[in-house]
Amino acid sequence: METSLCSRPFLKRGALLFALGFLSPTVGCGLRTTHRGLVSVTETGRARLEDYSGVTWRVSAAGQGAVLAGLDGCEVEITGSRFGHRLGVSDWRVESAPGGGQPFVGRLRLFGSNWLIDDRNSGQAVIIDMDAAPELATHVGSLIIVVGYVSGAQMVRPVRWWVVAP
């Protein structure tokens, strides 16, 4: 058998590798997806997403996917990669909280005398009225979701809240 660079097996293998290299970006982009639906948590604490067409997706617990287990009952939009019926999460957004309330999601921080969260949905800093929920002060640095009503310029009065992730 001939093993020079001009041999037929070498050329076939080279053409195959070239074709796979050319097609791989196309296949990779086809696996990137956005899904919207309702998050539920299994008995084992893993998140899954039921989209609006009724298909249930398992959410990967790696990276951003670990946070979704704290959003049980929320309607979310997930962007990431898809492998079978499993979604890898690169970004997410909460569209509505359980009960249909407007959610504000972000890490709680103290800025001067104001308690703020940098809302993931709007990208704005939102002031939390701590008179309504003083126990929130024990969760500084935690990712929280606040459901409430706007009581002033970029100020939210919490009606309900919970810690999504530490």
Protein backbone atom coordinates (compact mmCIF):
# COMPACT_ATOMS: atom_id res chain seq x y z
CA MET A 1 0.00 0.00 0.00
CA GLU A 2 1.28 3.41 -0.94
CA THR A 3 1.69 5.95 1.90
CA SER A 4 2.82 9.07 0.05
CA LEU A 5 0.96 12.34 0.32
CA CYS A 6 -0.52 11.81 -3.12
CA SER A 7 -2.13 8.49 -2.24
CA ARG A 8 -5.90 8.15 -2.50
CA PRO A 9 -6.67 7.26 1.18
CA PHE A 10 -4.83 10.37 2.34
CA LEU A 11 -6.75 12.61 -0.09
CA LYS A 12 -10.10 11.08 0.94
CA ARG A 13 -9.35 11.58 4.62
CA GLY A 14 -8.20 15.16 3.99
CA ALA A 15 -11.37 15.96 2.03
CA LEU A 16 -13.49 14.48 4.80
CA LEU A 17 -11.70 16.53 7.49
CA PHE A 18 -12.04 19.67 5.37
CA ALA A 19 -15.79 19.08 4.89
CA LEU A 20 -16.33 18.44 8.62
CA GLY A 21 -14.38 21.58 9.50
CA PHE A 22 -16.46 23.59 7.06
CA LEU A 23 -19.79 22.21 8.32
CA SER A 24 -19.06 22.36 12.07
CA PRO A 25 -19.94 26.08 12.51
CA THR A 26 -23.23 25.44 10.71
CA VAL A 27 -24.08 22.47 12.94
CA GLY A 28 -23.01 24.36 16.09
CA CYS A 29 -25.24 27.32 15.29
CA GLY A 30 -28.16 24.97 14.70
CA LEU A 31 -27.86 23.67 18.27
CA ARG A 32 -28.14 27.18 19.77
CA THR A 33 -31.72 27.82 20.77
CA THR A 34 -34.12 29.97 22.79
CA HIS A 35 -37.03 28.43 24.68
CA ARG A 36 -39.80 30.02 26.74
CA GLY A 37 -41.91 28.23 29.29
CA LEU A 38 -42.64 27.35 32.89
CA VAL A 39 -39.89 26.15 35.25
CA SER A 40 -40.62 23.27 37.59
CA VAL A 41 -38.32 21.47 39.99
CA THR A 42 -38.11 17.68 40.22
CA GLU A 43 -37.96 15.71 43.48
CA THR A 44 -34.16 15.62 43.14
CA GLY A 45 -33.94 19.43 42.95
CA ARG A 46 -33.19 19.63 39.22
CA ALA A 47 -34.93 22.22 37.06
CA ARG A 48 -36.92 21.41 33.97
CA LEU A 49 -38.73 23.63 31.50
CA GLU A 50 -42.11 22.94 29.97
CA ASP A 51 -42.37 25.10 26.88
CA TYR A 52 -45.58 26.53 25.47
CA SER A 53 -46.00 23.62 23.05
CA GLY A 54 -46.01 21.12 25.96
CA VAL A 55 -42.50 19.70 25.44
CA THR A 56 -40.55 19.15 28.67
CA TRP A 57 -36.81 19.93 28.63
CA ARG A 58 -34.27 18.93 31.25
CA VAL A 59 -32.12 21.89 32.24
CA SER A 60 -28.42 21.23 32.69
CA ALA A 61 -27.29 22.02 36.24
CA ALA A 62 -23.95 23.39 35.03
CA GLY A 63 -23.27 27.14 35.01
CA GLN A 64 -26.36 29.34 34.75
CA GLY A 65 -28.64 26.29 34.77
CA ALA A 66 -28.08 25.78 38.51
CA VAL A 67 -29.86 29.09 39.21
CA LEU A 68 -33.06 27.97 37.47
CA ALA A 69 -33.89 25.52 40.27
CA GLY A 70 -34.65 28.60 42.41
CA LEU A 71 -37.21 29.86 39.88
CA ASP A 72 -39.85 27.18 40.45
CA GLY A 73 -43.18 28.33 39.02
CA CYS A 74 -41.74 31.24 37.02
CA GLU A 75 -42.14 31.77 33.30
CA VAL A 76 -38.66 32.17 31.83
CA GLU A 77 -36.83 32.58 28.55
CA ILE A 78 -33.71 30.42 28.28
CA THR A 79 -30.97 30.84 25.69
CA GLY A 80 -28.39 28.13 25.31
CA SER A 81 -27.39 24.94 23.59
CA ARG A 82 -29.62 21.95 23.03
CA PHE A 83 -28.56 18.31 23.27
CA GLY A 84 -31.53 15.99 22.76
CA HIS A 85 -34.07 16.99 25.41
CA ARG A 86 -31.47 18.72 27.59
CA LEU A 87 -30.84 22.47 27.58
CA GLY A 88 -27.52 24.01 28.48
CA VAL A 89 -28.12 27.54 29.76
CA SER A 90 -25.96 30.48 28.75
CA ASP A 91 -28.50 33.20 29.60
CA TRP A 92 -31.98 33.43 31.11
CA ARG A 93 -34.68 36.00 31.81
CA VAL A 94 -37.74 35.82 34.06
CA GLU A 95 -40.88 36.89 32.21
CA SER A 96 -43.37 36.49 35.08
CA ALA A 97 -43.40 35.23 38.63
CA PRO A 98 -45.87 32.70 40.08
CA GLY A 99 -49.24 34.43 40.24
CA GLY A 100 -48.39 36.62 37.23
CA GLY A 101 -46.59 39.40 39.12
CA GLN A 102 -43.81 41.51 37.63
CA PRO A 103 -40.50 40.08 38.86
CA PHE A 104 -37.33 42.01 39.61
CA VAL A 105 -34.31 39.68 39.70
CA GLY A 106 -30.79 40.57 40.77
CA ARG A 107 -28.12 40.51 43.46
CA LEU A 108 -29.03 42.51 46.54
CA ARG A 109 -26.50 45.18 47.45
CA LEU A 110 -26.23 48.23 49.66
CA PHE A 111 -25.44 51.50 47.87
CA GLY A 112 -25.23 54.39 50.33
CA SER A 113 -28.45 54.16 52.30
CA ASN A 114 -30.37 52.37 49.52
CA TRP A 115 -30.84 48.65 49.01
CA LEU A 116 -30.55 47.90 45.30
CA ILE A 117 -30.76 45.06 42.87
CA ASP A 118 -29.46 45.33 39.31
CA ASP A 119 -32.52 43.92 37.55
CA ARG A 120 -31.57 41.27 34.95
CA ASN A 121 -34.71 41.92 32.92
CA SER A 122 -34.46 45.70 32.49
CA GLY A 123 -30.76 46.28 33.15
CA GLN A 124 -31.70 49.06 35.58
CA ALA A 125 -30.81 49.47 39.22
CA VAL A 126 -34.00 49.09 41.27
CA ILE A 127 -34.29 50.42 44.82
CA ILE A 128 -35.98 48.01 47.24
CA ASP A 129 -38.20 49.55 49.91
CA MET A 130 -36.78 47.79 52.97
CA ASP A 131 -39.58 49.06 55.24
CA ALA A 132 -41.82 46.43 53.63
CA ALA A 133 -39.31 43.58 53.96
CA PRO A 134 -36.51 44.34 56.49
CA GLU A 135 -35.50 40.64 56.63
CA LEU A 136 -34.06 41.02 53.11
CA ALA A 137 -31.03 42.73 54.68
CA THR A 138 -29.69 39.32 55.77
CA HIS A 139 -29.34 38.26 52.12
CA VAL A 140 -26.80 40.83 50.88
CA GLY A 141 -24.98 39.47 47.82
CA SER A 142 -27.59 36.79 47.14
CA LEU A 143 -29.51 36.55 43.89
CA ILE A 144 -33.11 37.35 44.82
CA ILE A 145 -36.43 37.72 43.08
CA VAL A 146 -38.78 40.45 44.28
CA VAL A 147 -42.42 40.65 43.28
CA GLY A 148 -44.10 43.89 44.19
CA TYR A 149 -45.34 47.17 42.92
CA VAL A 150 -43.55 50.32 41.88
CA SER A 151 -43.91 52.93 44.59
CA GLY A 152 -41.70 55.67 43.16
CA ALA A 153 -38.99 56.39 40.63
CA GLN A 154 -37.21 53.03 40.26
CA MET A 155 -38.41 52.00 43.72
CA VAL A 156 -40.20 48.71 44.37
CA ARG A 157 -42.22 47.85 47.45
CA PRO A 158 -41.92 44.05 47.89
CA VAL A 159 -45.06 42.00 48.36
CA ARG A 160 -43.26 38.68 48.02
CA TRP A 161 -39.60 37.72 47.61
CA TRP A 162 -37.31 34.70 47.80
CA VAL A 163 -33.65 33.82 47.41
CA VAL A 164 -32.90 32.26 44.03
CA ALA A 165 -29.22 31.49 44.63
CA PRO A 166 -26.61 32.45 47.24
